[in-house]
N, C-alpha and C. Protein backbone atom coordinates (compact mmCIF):
# COMPACT_ATOMS: atom_id res chain seq x y z
N MET A 1 37.97 -46.19 -84.55
CA MET A 1 37.78 -44.77 -84.59
C MET A 1 36.54 -44.45 -85.44
N THR A 2 35.69 -43.57 -84.94
CA THR A 2 34.46 -43.22 -85.64
C THR A 2 34.75 -42.11 -86.64
N PRO A 3 34.20 -42.24 -87.85
CA PRO A 3 34.42 -41.17 -88.82
C PRO A 3 33.58 -39.94 -88.45
N THR A 4 34.16 -38.78 -88.55
CA THR A 4 33.42 -37.54 -88.31
C THR A 4 33.11 -36.90 -89.65
N HIS A 5 31.91 -36.46 -89.75
CA HIS A 5 31.49 -35.81 -90.98
C HIS A 5 31.69 -34.30 -90.83
N SER A 6 32.06 -33.68 -91.89
CA SER A 6 32.31 -32.23 -91.82
C SER A 6 31.02 -31.45 -91.57
N TRP A 7 29.87 -31.98 -91.97
CA TRP A 7 28.62 -31.27 -91.75
C TRP A 7 28.26 -31.24 -90.27
N MET A 8 28.71 -32.25 -89.50
CA MET A 8 28.43 -32.26 -88.06
C MET A 8 29.20 -31.13 -87.37
N THR A 9 30.44 -30.94 -87.77
CA THR A 9 31.24 -29.87 -87.20
C THR A 9 30.66 -28.51 -87.59
N LEU A 10 30.26 -28.40 -88.84
CA LEU A 10 29.66 -27.16 -89.33
C LEU A 10 28.35 -26.87 -88.60
N SER A 11 27.51 -27.88 -88.42
CA SER A 11 26.22 -27.66 -87.75
C SER A 11 26.43 -27.29 -86.29
N LEU A 12 27.44 -27.84 -85.64
CA LEU A 12 27.74 -27.47 -84.26
C LEU A 12 28.15 -25.99 -84.19
N GLY A 13 28.94 -25.55 -85.14
CA GLY A 13 29.34 -24.14 -85.18
C GLY A 13 28.15 -23.23 -85.42
N VAL A 14 27.28 -23.61 -86.33
CA VAL A 14 26.07 -22.81 -86.61
C VAL A 14 25.18 -22.75 -85.38
N LEU A 15 25.02 -23.87 -84.69
CA LEU A 15 24.21 -23.91 -83.48
C LEU A 15 24.78 -22.97 -82.41
N MET A 16 26.09 -22.95 -82.25
CA MET A 16 26.71 -22.07 -81.27
C MET A 16 26.51 -20.60 -81.65
N ILE A 17 26.63 -20.29 -82.93
CA ILE A 17 26.43 -18.91 -83.38
C ILE A 17 24.99 -18.47 -83.16
N MET A 18 24.04 -19.34 -83.49
CA MET A 18 22.62 -18.99 -83.31
C MET A 18 22.29 -18.79 -81.83
N THR A 19 22.83 -19.63 -80.98
CA THR A 19 22.58 -19.49 -79.54
C THR A 19 23.17 -18.19 -79.02
N ALA A 20 24.37 -17.87 -79.45
CA ALA A 20 25.01 -16.63 -78.99
C ALA A 20 24.26 -15.40 -79.50
N SER A 21 23.76 -15.44 -80.72
CA SER A 21 23.05 -14.27 -81.25
C SER A 21 21.71 -14.09 -80.56
N CYS A 22 21.06 -15.17 -80.15
CA CYS A 22 19.80 -15.03 -79.43
C CYS A 22 20.02 -14.53 -78.01
N ALA A 23 21.15 -14.85 -77.44
CA ALA A 23 21.41 -14.45 -76.06
C ALA A 23 21.61 -12.95 -75.94
N VAL A 24 22.12 -12.29 -76.98
CA VAL A 24 22.38 -10.86 -76.87
C VAL A 24 21.23 -10.01 -77.38
N SER A 25 20.26 -10.58 -78.06
CA SER A 25 19.15 -9.77 -78.58
C SER A 25 18.15 -9.48 -77.47
N ARG A 26 17.53 -8.28 -77.56
CA ARG A 26 16.53 -7.88 -76.59
C ARG A 26 15.25 -8.67 -76.81
N PRO A 27 14.52 -8.97 -75.74
CA PRO A 27 13.23 -9.62 -75.93
C PRO A 27 12.24 -8.66 -76.59
N VAL A 28 11.33 -9.20 -77.34
CA VAL A 28 10.32 -8.39 -78.00
C VAL A 28 9.33 -7.90 -76.95
N SER A 29 9.01 -6.63 -77.00
CA SER A 29 8.09 -6.05 -76.02
C SER A 29 6.66 -6.44 -76.36
N ALA A 30 5.95 -6.89 -75.35
CA ALA A 30 4.54 -7.23 -75.52
C ALA A 30 3.64 -6.02 -75.25
N VAL A 31 4.25 -4.92 -74.85
CA VAL A 31 3.49 -3.72 -74.52
C VAL A 31 3.36 -2.85 -75.77
N ALA A 32 2.16 -2.45 -76.05
CA ALA A 32 1.92 -1.59 -77.22
C ALA A 32 2.29 -0.15 -76.88
N PRO A 33 2.70 0.63 -77.88
CA PRO A 33 3.01 2.04 -77.61
C PRO A 33 1.75 2.81 -77.21
N PRO A 34 1.92 3.88 -76.46
CA PRO A 34 0.75 4.65 -76.03
C PRO A 34 0.05 5.32 -77.21
N ARG A 35 -1.26 5.34 -77.16
CA ARG A 35 -2.07 6.00 -78.19
C ARG A 35 -3.04 6.94 -77.50
N LEU A 36 -3.23 8.10 -78.08
CA LEU A 36 -4.20 9.06 -77.57
C LEU A 36 -5.43 9.04 -78.47
N MET A 37 -6.58 9.23 -77.86
CA MET A 37 -7.82 9.29 -78.63
C MET A 37 -7.97 10.69 -79.20
N LEU A 38 -8.29 10.76 -80.48
CA LEU A 38 -8.50 12.04 -81.13
C LEU A 38 -9.88 12.57 -80.71
N PRO A 39 -9.96 13.80 -80.25
CA PRO A 39 -11.26 14.35 -79.84
C PRO A 39 -12.24 14.37 -81.01
N PRO A 40 -13.53 14.17 -80.74
CA PRO A 40 -14.52 14.17 -81.82
C PRO A 40 -14.56 15.48 -82.60
N GLU A 41 -14.25 16.59 -81.93
CA GLU A 41 -14.26 17.87 -82.63
C GLU A 41 -13.21 17.91 -83.73
N ALA A 42 -12.11 17.21 -83.52
CA ALA A 42 -11.03 17.21 -84.51
C ALA A 42 -11.37 16.34 -85.72
N GLU A 43 -12.26 15.38 -85.53
CA GLU A 43 -12.62 14.49 -86.63
C GLU A 43 -13.85 14.96 -87.41
N ALA A 44 -14.60 15.89 -86.85
CA ALA A 44 -15.83 16.35 -87.49
C ALA A 44 -15.51 17.22 -88.71
N ARG A 45 -16.37 17.15 -89.70
CA ARG A 45 -16.20 18.00 -90.88
C ARG A 45 -16.52 19.44 -90.54
N CYS A 46 -15.85 20.31 -91.21
CA CYS A 46 -16.11 21.74 -91.01
C CYS A 46 -17.23 22.17 -91.96
N GLY A 47 -18.27 22.73 -91.39
CA GLY A 47 -19.37 23.22 -92.22
C GLY A 47 -19.19 24.68 -92.55
N LEU A 48 -19.65 25.06 -93.70
CA LEU A 48 -19.60 26.46 -94.11
C LEU A 48 -21.00 26.91 -94.51
N ALA A 49 -21.33 28.10 -94.09
CA ALA A 49 -22.65 28.67 -94.41
C ALA A 49 -22.75 28.93 -95.91
N ARG A 50 -23.96 28.70 -96.44
CA ARG A 50 -24.20 28.95 -97.87
C ARG A 50 -25.28 30.01 -98.02
N LEU A 51 -25.18 30.68 -99.10
CA LEU A 51 -26.18 31.71 -99.38
C LEU A 51 -27.44 31.07 -99.96
N PRO A 52 -28.60 31.61 -99.60
CA PRO A 52 -29.83 31.13 -100.22
C PRO A 52 -29.87 31.53 -101.70
N PRO A 53 -30.73 30.88 -102.49
CA PRO A 53 -30.77 31.18 -103.93
C PRO A 53 -31.05 32.66 -104.23
N GLN A 54 -31.95 33.27 -103.55
CA GLN A 54 -32.27 34.69 -103.78
C GLN A 54 -31.67 35.51 -102.63
N ALA A 55 -30.36 35.61 -102.58
CA ALA A 55 -29.67 36.26 -101.46
C ALA A 55 -29.78 37.78 -101.55
N THR A 56 -29.96 38.36 -100.40
CA THR A 56 -29.98 39.82 -100.29
C THR A 56 -28.67 40.27 -99.64
N ALA A 57 -28.50 41.56 -99.51
CA ALA A 57 -27.30 42.09 -98.87
C ALA A 57 -27.23 41.65 -97.40
N ALA A 58 -28.38 41.57 -96.74
CA ALA A 58 -28.42 41.12 -95.34
C ALA A 58 -28.00 39.66 -95.24
N ASP A 59 -28.45 38.83 -96.20
CA ASP A 59 -28.04 37.42 -96.22
C ASP A 59 -26.53 37.29 -96.43
N LEU A 60 -26.00 38.13 -97.29
CA LEU A 60 -24.56 38.12 -97.54
C LEU A 60 -23.78 38.49 -96.28
N GLU A 61 -24.23 39.52 -95.57
CA GLU A 61 -23.56 39.93 -94.33
C GLU A 61 -23.64 38.82 -93.28
N ALA A 62 -24.82 38.23 -93.13
CA ALA A 62 -25.00 37.17 -92.13
C ALA A 62 -24.13 35.95 -92.46
N ALA A 63 -24.08 35.58 -93.73
CA ALA A 63 -23.26 34.44 -94.14
C ALA A 63 -21.77 34.74 -93.94
N TYR A 64 -21.38 35.98 -94.18
CA TYR A 64 -19.98 36.38 -94.00
C TYR A 64 -19.57 36.23 -92.53
N VAL A 65 -20.43 36.69 -91.61
CA VAL A 65 -20.13 36.58 -90.18
C VAL A 65 -20.14 35.11 -89.75
N ARG A 66 -21.15 34.36 -90.22
CA ARG A 66 -21.25 32.95 -89.87
C ARG A 66 -20.04 32.16 -90.37
N ARG A 67 -19.62 32.42 -91.59
CA ARG A 67 -18.45 31.73 -92.15
C ARG A 67 -17.18 32.05 -91.38
N GLY A 68 -17.04 33.29 -90.95
CA GLY A 68 -15.87 33.66 -90.15
C GLY A 68 -15.81 32.85 -88.86
N ALA A 69 -16.95 32.72 -88.19
CA ALA A 69 -17.00 31.93 -86.96
C ALA A 69 -16.73 30.45 -87.25
N GLN A 70 -17.27 29.94 -88.37
CA GLN A 70 -17.05 28.54 -88.72
C GLN A 70 -15.59 28.26 -89.08
N VAL A 71 -14.95 29.17 -89.77
CA VAL A 71 -13.53 29.00 -90.11
C VAL A 71 -12.69 29.02 -88.84
N ALA A 72 -13.02 29.91 -87.90
CA ALA A 72 -12.28 29.96 -86.63
C ALA A 72 -12.46 28.66 -85.85
N ALA A 73 -13.69 28.12 -85.81
CA ALA A 73 -13.94 26.86 -85.11
C ALA A 73 -13.22 25.70 -85.80
N CYS A 74 -13.20 25.71 -87.12
CA CYS A 74 -12.51 24.66 -87.87
C CYS A 74 -11.01 24.72 -87.62
N ASP A 75 -10.46 25.92 -87.56
CA ASP A 75 -9.03 26.06 -87.30
C ASP A 75 -8.69 25.60 -85.88
N ALA A 76 -9.57 25.87 -84.93
CA ALA A 76 -9.35 25.40 -83.55
C ALA A 76 -9.38 23.87 -83.49
N ALA A 77 -10.31 23.24 -84.23
CA ALA A 77 -10.38 21.78 -84.27
C ALA A 77 -9.13 21.19 -84.92
N ARG A 78 -8.65 21.84 -85.97
CA ARG A 78 -7.43 21.38 -86.63
C ARG A 78 -6.24 21.49 -85.68
N GLN A 79 -6.16 22.59 -84.95
CA GLN A 79 -5.06 22.77 -83.99
C GLN A 79 -5.14 21.72 -82.89
N LEU A 80 -6.35 21.37 -82.46
CA LEU A 80 -6.53 20.33 -81.46
C LEU A 80 -6.01 18.99 -81.97
N ALA A 81 -6.28 18.68 -83.23
CA ALA A 81 -5.78 17.43 -83.82
C ALA A 81 -4.26 17.44 -83.90
N VAL A 82 -3.68 18.57 -84.28
CA VAL A 82 -2.22 18.68 -84.38
C VAL A 82 -1.59 18.53 -83.00
N ASP A 83 -2.16 19.17 -81.98
CA ASP A 83 -1.63 19.06 -80.62
C ASP A 83 -1.71 17.63 -80.11
N THR A 84 -2.83 16.95 -80.40
CA THR A 84 -2.98 15.56 -79.99
C THR A 84 -1.93 14.69 -80.65
N LEU A 85 -1.69 14.89 -81.93
CA LEU A 85 -0.68 14.11 -82.65
C LEU A 85 0.71 14.37 -82.08
N ARG A 86 1.04 15.62 -81.81
CA ARG A 86 2.36 15.93 -81.23
C ARG A 86 2.52 15.30 -79.85
N ASP A 87 1.48 15.36 -79.02
CA ASP A 87 1.55 14.75 -77.69
C ASP A 87 1.72 13.24 -77.79
N GLU A 88 1.00 12.62 -78.73
CA GLU A 88 1.12 11.17 -78.91
C GLU A 88 2.53 10.80 -79.35
N ARG A 89 3.08 11.56 -80.28
CA ARG A 89 4.44 11.27 -80.73
C ARG A 89 5.45 11.45 -79.61
N ALA A 90 5.25 12.46 -78.76
CA ALA A 90 6.15 12.65 -77.62
C ALA A 90 6.05 11.48 -76.65
N LEU A 91 4.83 10.99 -76.41
CA LEU A 91 4.66 9.82 -75.55
C LEU A 91 5.34 8.59 -76.14
N ILE A 92 5.21 8.41 -77.45
CA ILE A 92 5.84 7.25 -78.09
C ILE A 92 7.36 7.37 -78.02
N ASP A 93 7.90 8.58 -78.16
CA ASP A 93 9.35 8.76 -78.03
C ASP A 93 9.83 8.39 -76.63
N VAL A 94 9.09 8.83 -75.61
CA VAL A 94 9.45 8.47 -74.23
C VAL A 94 9.33 6.97 -74.04
N TRP A 95 8.27 6.39 -74.59
CA TRP A 95 8.05 4.94 -74.47
C TRP A 95 9.20 4.17 -75.12
N MET A 96 9.62 4.61 -76.32
CA MET A 96 10.71 3.93 -77.02
C MET A 96 12.01 4.06 -76.23
N GLU A 97 12.24 5.23 -75.64
CA GLU A 97 13.44 5.42 -74.83
C GLU A 97 13.41 4.50 -73.61
N CYS A 98 12.26 4.38 -72.99
CA CYS A 98 12.14 3.51 -71.81
C CYS A 98 12.26 2.04 -72.18
N ILE A 99 11.67 1.66 -73.29
CA ILE A 99 11.78 0.27 -73.74
C ILE A 99 13.25 -0.05 -74.04
N GLY A 100 13.95 0.92 -74.60
CA GLY A 100 15.36 0.72 -74.89
C GLY A 100 16.18 0.48 -73.64
N ARG A 101 15.77 1.09 -72.54
CA ARG A 101 16.46 0.90 -71.27
C ARG A 101 15.91 -0.28 -70.48
N GLN A 102 14.77 -0.83 -70.93
CA GLN A 102 14.11 -1.95 -70.25
C GLN A 102 13.71 -1.60 -68.82
N LYS A 103 13.24 -0.36 -68.60
CA LYS A 103 12.84 0.05 -67.26
C LYS A 103 11.34 0.30 -67.15
N MET A 104 10.63 0.20 -68.24
CA MET A 104 9.21 0.53 -68.21
C MET A 104 8.43 -0.70 -67.75
N PRO A 105 7.51 -0.55 -66.78
CA PRO A 105 6.70 -1.67 -66.32
C PRO A 105 5.70 -2.12 -67.38
N ALA A 106 5.08 -3.27 -67.13
CA ALA A 106 4.16 -3.86 -68.10
C ALA A 106 2.94 -2.97 -68.34
N ASN A 107 2.47 -2.26 -67.31
CA ASN A 107 1.32 -1.37 -67.49
C ASN A 107 1.83 0.03 -67.82
N SER A 108 2.60 0.12 -68.90
CA SER A 108 3.36 1.33 -69.20
C SER A 108 2.55 2.45 -69.83
N VAL A 109 1.37 2.18 -70.35
CA VAL A 109 0.62 3.23 -71.04
C VAL A 109 0.29 4.37 -70.08
N LYS A 110 -0.13 4.04 -68.87
CA LYS A 110 -0.46 5.11 -67.93
C LYS A 110 0.78 5.70 -67.27
N ASN A 111 1.92 5.02 -67.36
CA ASN A 111 3.16 5.53 -66.77
C ASN A 111 4.09 6.17 -67.78
N ALA A 112 3.68 6.26 -69.04
CA ALA A 112 4.57 6.75 -70.09
C ALA A 112 4.76 8.26 -70.06
N ALA A 113 3.95 8.97 -69.30
CA ALA A 113 4.05 10.43 -69.30
C ALA A 113 5.28 10.92 -68.56
N HIS A 114 5.85 10.10 -67.69
CA HIS A 114 7.05 10.55 -66.98
C HIS A 114 8.28 9.83 -67.53
N ARG A 115 9.40 10.47 -67.37
CA ARG A 115 10.65 9.87 -67.85
C ARG A 115 11.03 8.69 -66.96
N CYS A 116 11.75 7.74 -67.54
CA CYS A 116 12.18 6.55 -66.78
C CYS A 116 13.27 6.91 -65.80
């Protein structure tokens, strides 16, 4: 009769547990989540008009109007960045939902806009 070592029985049990745990885990997705490109307007710095050293009342009025337009343009660029970020997060949420169901094809970035 051959002697059995307790470590052999233990290692067989560990091997069975490891195999079973790998069988139920989902495969790692090789597909990256969708990313949107931020428009250049959203990344540009906002410029503000400055008064010349010897400013007159006309210079003050012109700078006031120019600054108002620049603030409005800057706010529009900021809103564009916020909208892009929200859209990207919505795409990633859809992508995560689809990956969870394992129904998304390999070329999923262009197909992520629709529900699975």
